[in-house]
Protein backbone atom coordinates (compact mmCIF):
# COMPACT_ATOMS: atom_id res chain seq x y z
CA MET A 1 -73.78 78.32 -60.24
CA LYS A 2 -70.99 76.78 -62.27
CA GLN A 3 -68.43 78.67 -60.27
CA TYR A 4 -69.92 77.38 -57.01
CA LYS A 5 -69.84 73.81 -58.28
CA LEU A 6 -66.24 74.27 -59.37
CA MET A 7 -65.25 75.62 -55.92
CA THR A 8 -67.05 72.75 -54.25
CA LEU A 9 -65.28 70.23 -56.44
CA ILE A 10 -61.86 71.78 -55.75
CA SER A 11 -62.58 71.71 -51.99
CA CYS A 12 -63.51 68.06 -52.19
CA VAL A 13 -60.31 67.24 -54.06
CA ALA A 14 -58.26 69.15 -51.49
CA VAL A 15 -59.95 67.31 -48.61
CA ILE A 16 -59.40 63.96 -50.30
CA THR A 17 -55.74 64.79 -50.93
CA ILE A 18 -55.13 65.93 -47.32
CA SER A 19 -56.95 62.88 -45.98
CA SER A 20 -54.74 60.68 -48.11
CA LEU A 21 -51.63 62.39 -46.83
CA LEU A 22 -52.80 62.03 -43.23
CA TYR A 23 -53.60 58.41 -43.78
CA LYS A 24 -50.18 57.84 -45.28
CA ASP A 25 -48.50 59.48 -42.31
CA GLU A 26 -50.44 57.35 -39.90
CA ILE A 27 -49.21 54.12 -41.38
CA VAL A 28 -45.59 54.94 -42.13
CA ASP A 29 -44.03 54.14 -38.79
CA TYR A 30 -44.09 50.85 -37.02
CA ILE A 31 -41.95 49.23 -34.47
CA THR A 32 -39.60 46.47 -35.40
CA PRO A 33 -38.97 44.27 -32.42
CA SER A 34 -35.40 43.74 -31.41
CA SER A 35 -33.81 40.46 -32.22
CA LEU A 36 -34.25 37.94 -29.55
CA THR A 37 -31.28 36.26 -28.23
CA SER A 38 -31.80 33.41 -26.95
CA THR A 39 -10.83 21.08 -9.89
CA ALA A 40 21.96 1.88 15.50
CA GLN A 41 21.98 1.97 17.58
CA SER A 42 25.67 1.75 17.45
CA ILE A 43 26.84 -1.54 18.69
CA PRO A 44 30.05 -1.37 20.63
CA ALA A 45 32.82 -3.26 19.10
CA PRO A 46 32.17 -6.82 20.07
CA THR A 47 34.42 -8.58 22.36
CA PRO A 48 35.68 -11.51 20.37
CA THR A 49 33.50 -13.84 22.37
CA SER A 50 31.13 -16.54 21.23
CA GLU A 51 28.84 -18.67 23.30
CA LEU A 52 26.39 -21.45 22.78
CA ASP A 53 24.09 -23.19 25.18
CA PRO A 54 23.22 -26.82 25.04
CA GLY A 55 20.36 -27.07 22.49
CA LEU A 56 17.04 -27.56 24.21
CA ALA A 57 14.38 -29.59 22.50
CA THR A 58 10.70 -30.42 22.92
CA SER A 59 7.36 -27.32 20.85
CA PRO A 60 -10.90 8.65 -2.05
CA ASP A 61 -44.02 60.16 -35.43
CA SER A 62 -45.59 63.32 -36.93
CA VAL A 63 -48.75 64.70 -38.69
CA PRO A 64 -47.89 67.34 -41.38
CA ALA A 65 -49.32 70.84 -40.95
CA PRO A 66 -52.48 71.31 -43.12
CA ALA A 67 -51.86 73.02 -46.47
CA SER A 68 -52.25 76.84 -46.21
CA GLU A 69 -55.59 78.10 -47.49
CA SER A 70 -55.39 80.02 -50.81
CA THR A 71 -57.97 81.60 -53.07
CA PRO A 72 -58.97 78.92 -55.51
CA THR A 73 -58.11 79.71 -59.08
CA PRO A 74 -60.28 78.25 -61.79
CA ALA A 75 -58.44 75.35 -63.16
CA ALA A 76 -59.00 72.13 -64.89
CA ILE A 77 -60.47 69.56 -62.65
CA PRO A 78 -57.62 67.35 -61.65
CA THR A 79 -58.04 63.68 -61.69
CA PRO A 80 -58.46 62.50 -58.12
CA ALA A 81 -55.41 60.75 -56.85
CA PRO A 82 -56.05 57.13 -56.27
CA THR A 83 -56.49 56.15 -52.66
CA PRO A 84 -53.30 54.43 -51.65
CA SER A 85 -53.53 50.97 -50.38
CA PRO A 86 -52.33 50.82 -46.82
CA THR A 87 -48.99 49.18 -46.45
CA PRO A 88 -49.31 46.59 -43.77
CA ALA A 89 -46.83 46.76 -41.00
CA ALA A 90 -44.37 43.99 -41.17
CA VAL A 91 -45.08 41.33 -38.60
CA PRO A 92 -41.89 40.25 -36.99
CA SER A 93 -41.14 36.59 -37.23
CA PRO A 94 -41.15 34.97 -33.87
CA ALA A 95 -37.73 34.13 -32.58
CA PRO A 96 -37.00 30.46 -33.02
CA THR A 97 -37.43 28.48 -29.85
CA PRO A 98 -34.14 26.84 -29.07
CA THR A 99 -34.28 23.08 -29.10
CA PRO A 100 -33.55 21.90 -25.61
CA LYS A 101 -30.48 19.74 -25.34
CA PRO A 102 -30.96 16.52 -23.44
CA ALA A 103 -29.15 16.50 -20.13
CA PRO A 104 -26.19 14.14 -20.28
CA LYS A 105 -26.66 10.97 -18.32
CA PRO A 106 -24.21 10.70 -15.45
CA THR A 107 -21.57 8.07 -15.97
CA PRO A 108 -21.77 5.57 -13.13
CA LYS A 109 -18.61 5.42 -11.07
CA PRO A 110 -17.02 2.00 -10.86
CA THR A 111 -17.04 0.40 -7.48
CA PRO A 112 -13.49 0.63 -6.15
CA ALA A 113 -11.72 -2.62 -5.61
CA PRO A 114 -10.94 -3.51 -2.01
CA THR A 115 -7.70 -1.94 -0.92
CA ALA A 116 -4.75 -3.84 0.35
CA THR A 117 -5.40 -2.34 3.77
CA ALA A 118 -8.89 -3.88 3.87
CA SER A 119 -7.41 -7.24 2.91
CA ARG A 120 -4.83 -7.02 5.65
CA SER A 121 -7.52 -6.30 8.23
CA THR A 122 -9.18 -9.67 7.60
CA ALA A 123 -6.03 -11.72 7.01
CA PRO A 124 -3.79 -12.82 9.87
CA SER A 125 -1.02 -10.28 10.47
CA GLN A 126 2.40 -11.39 9.29
CA PRO A 127 5.46 -10.36 11.29
CA GLN A 128 8.04 -8.20 9.57
CA LEU A 129 11.57 -9.54 9.78
CA ASN A 130 14.60 -7.28 9.58
CA ALA A 131 17.42 -8.14 7.16
CA ASP A 132 19.44 -10.14 9.69
CA GLN A 133 16.45 -12.16 10.86
CA GLN A 134 15.49 -12.96 7.26
CA HIS A 135 19.08 -13.97 6.52
CA MET A 136 19.14 -16.38 9.47
CA LEU A 137 15.80 -17.89 8.37
CA ASP A 138 17.20 -18.38 4.85
CA LEU A 139 20.32 -20.09 6.19
CA ILE A 140 18.21 -22.45 8.33
CA ASN A 141 15.91 -23.38 5.42
CA GLN A 142 18.90 -23.99 3.15
CA GLU A 143 20.19 -26.50 5.67
CA ARG A 144 16.78 -28.16 5.92
CA SER A 145 16.49 -28.32 2.11
CA ARG A 146 19.86 -30.08 1.89
CA ALA A 147 18.68 -32.52 4.53
CA GLY A 148 15.41 -33.18 2.65
CA VAL A 149 13.28 -31.53 5.32
CA GLY A 150 10.45 -29.04 4.70
CA PRO A 151 11.13 -25.31 5.31
CA LEU A 152 10.21 -23.52 8.52
CA LYS A 153 7.65 -20.69 8.47
CA ILE A 154 7.55 -17.64 10.75
CA ASP A 155 4.75 -17.82 13.32
CA SER A 156 3.71 -14.33 14.58
CA LYS A 157 3.29 -15.32 18.23
CA LEU A 158 6.46 -17.38 18.22
CA GLN A 159 8.35 -14.48 16.60
CA THR A 160 7.12 -12.13 19.35
CA MET A 161 8.21 -14.59 22.00
CA ALA A 162 11.70 -15.18 20.55
CA GLN A 163 12.35 -11.43 20.34
CA ALA A 164 11.18 -11.00 23.93
CA LYS A 165 13.59 -13.78 24.98
CA SER A 166 16.68 -12.23 23.32
CA ASP A 167 15.72 -8.78 24.68
CA ASP A 168 15.32 -10.24 28.16
CA MET A 169 18.70 -11.97 28.11
CA VAL A 170 20.44 -8.69 27.24
CA ALA A 171 18.39 -6.58 29.67
CA LYS A 172 18.88 -9.00 32.59
CA ALA A 173 22.45 -9.94 31.61
CA TYR A 174 22.02 -13.71 31.59
CA PHE A 175 22.55 -16.51 29.08
CA ASP A 176 20.22 -19.38 29.80
CA HIS A 177 17.10 -21.17 28.61
CA THR A 178 15.36 -20.37 31.89
CA SER A 179 14.37 -16.69 32.15
CA PRO A 180 13.99 -14.93 35.51
CA THR A 181 11.04 -13.09 33.86
CA TYR A 182 9.27 -15.83 31.89
CA GLY A 183 10.56 -19.13 33.24
CA SER A 184 11.39 -22.04 30.92
CA PRO A 185 10.81 -21.87 27.13
CA PHE A 186 7.71 -24.07 27.53
CA GLU A 187 6.29 -21.90 30.31
CA MET A 188 7.03 -18.84 28.16
CA MET A 189 5.16 -20.38 25.19
CA LYS A 190 2.13 -20.93 27.39
CA LYS A 191 2.24 -17.26 28.53
CA PHE A 192 2.38 -16.10 24.88
CA GLY A 193 -0.58 -18.35 23.89
CA ILE A 194 1.45 -20.67 21.68
CA SER A 195 0.19 -24.21 21.06
CA TYR A 196 2.45 -27.06 19.99
CA THR A 197 2.93 -30.79 19.90
CA SER A 198 6.71 -30.49 19.96
CA ALA A 199 8.98 -27.53 20.75
CA GLY A 200 12.61 -26.51 21.11
CA GLU A 201 14.91 -23.52 21.63
CA ASN A 202 18.41 -22.51 20.56
CA ILE A 203 20.21 -19.48 22.02
CA ALA A 204 23.56 -18.03 20.95
CA GLY A 205 25.79 -14.97 21.40
CA ASN A 206 28.01 -13.98 18.47
CA SER A 207 29.14 -11.00 16.33
CA SER A 208 27.23 -11.88 13.13
CA VAL A 209 24.43 -14.04 11.76
CA ASP A 210 26.79 -16.17 9.68
CA LYS A 211 29.12 -16.91 12.59
CA ALA A 212 26.25 -17.73 14.93
CA HIS A 213 24.71 -20.05 12.33
CA ALA A 214 28.02 -21.83 11.76
CA ALA A 215 28.52 -22.36 15.49
CA LEU A 216 24.98 -23.71 15.90
CA MET A 217 25.40 -26.15 13.02
CA ASN A 218 28.66 -27.37 14.59
CA SER A 219 26.83 -28.31 17.79
CA PRO A 220 24.90 -31.59 17.61
CA GLY A 221 22.05 -30.52 19.92
CA HIS A 222 21.48 -27.17 18.14
CA LYS A 223 21.81 -28.75 14.69
CA ALA A 224 19.19 -31.34 15.65
CA ASN A 225 16.70 -28.59 16.47
CA ILE A 226 17.44 -26.77 13.17
CA LEU A 227 16.90 -29.94 11.11
CA LYS A 228 14.10 -31.61 13.10
CA ALA A 229 11.38 -32.75 10.67
CA SER A 230 8.54 -32.41 13.20
CA PHE A 231 9.18 -28.67 13.58
CA ASN A 232 7.40 -26.46 11.01
CA TYR A 233 7.30 -22.98 12.65
CA ILE A 234 10.04 -20.74 14.03
CA GLY A 235 10.53 -17.38 15.75
CA ILE A 236 13.92 -15.60 15.56
CA GLY A 237 14.88 -13.07 18.24
CA MET A 238 17.92 -10.86 17.72
CA THR A 239 19.15 -8.09 20.07
CA ALA A 240 22.32 -5.98 20.11
CA SER A 241 24.62 -7.07 22.92
CA ALA A 242 27.60 -5.23 24.41
CA LYS A 243 29.17 -8.54 25.37
CA TYR A 244 28.66 -10.62 22.22
CA GLY A 245 27.69 -8.14 19.49
CA LYS A 246 24.33 -9.87 18.99
CA MET A 247 22.17 -12.10 21.14
CA PHE A 248 20.13 -14.72 19.30
CA ALA A 249 17.10 -16.81 20.27
CA GLN A 250 15.58 -19.44 17.96
CA ASP A 251 12.26 -20.93 19.11
CA PHE A 252 10.74 -23.86 17.23
CA VAL A 253 7.36 -25.63 17.37
CA GLY A 254 5.67 -28.46 15.54
CA ARG A 255 1.89 -28.66 15.04
């Protein structure tokens, strides 16, 4: 009877021990989650000729094998091994949620300033003078300044007319105030839409601006037109001429 009790006790111990080992094996492995990661016209040599007309004036896992059975040998009753406390599987810490960055506010684009082109489209067009035409205008205004008279300004329509007159004189080979194409200076002004209260015209043929200006100032009728106080606008025509070197037309108006 004692032997039977001893065998039973040993069997119980063995079962407890194996159960403990199995339990241990079941809780050893666990999964650790991966880390979360959270852009000239050449001008022929002028013939030394100069000509003036009379000045005309008037407008953008595994489970271990069970222990092999053996014949129990009487032995002291071992102290049962304490039941191990299960080791809890480590709970992974949740990956930190990234703090969202505020979207940058768009920088407002400045309103572009009006371009020079836009300004020109609303302002009256100003004629462009070449160097010789500007030089003649400067000479005329110097004379007017010395005489105490206000300077003349370029009028766009009058400038177009004066250039048409000098071109016409060269093209039609004439030298006169009356044009076979446009008629008199006053008729021509009407055709070009020019208004005036007083008007006048000077024409000249010469090899340079300075010589033509000197000749005009030496003629009383032409000088009178250049210095007339009632005139305040001018147009200056200038065309290359085989006969004179240059053909000039000065058209004046007062308003």
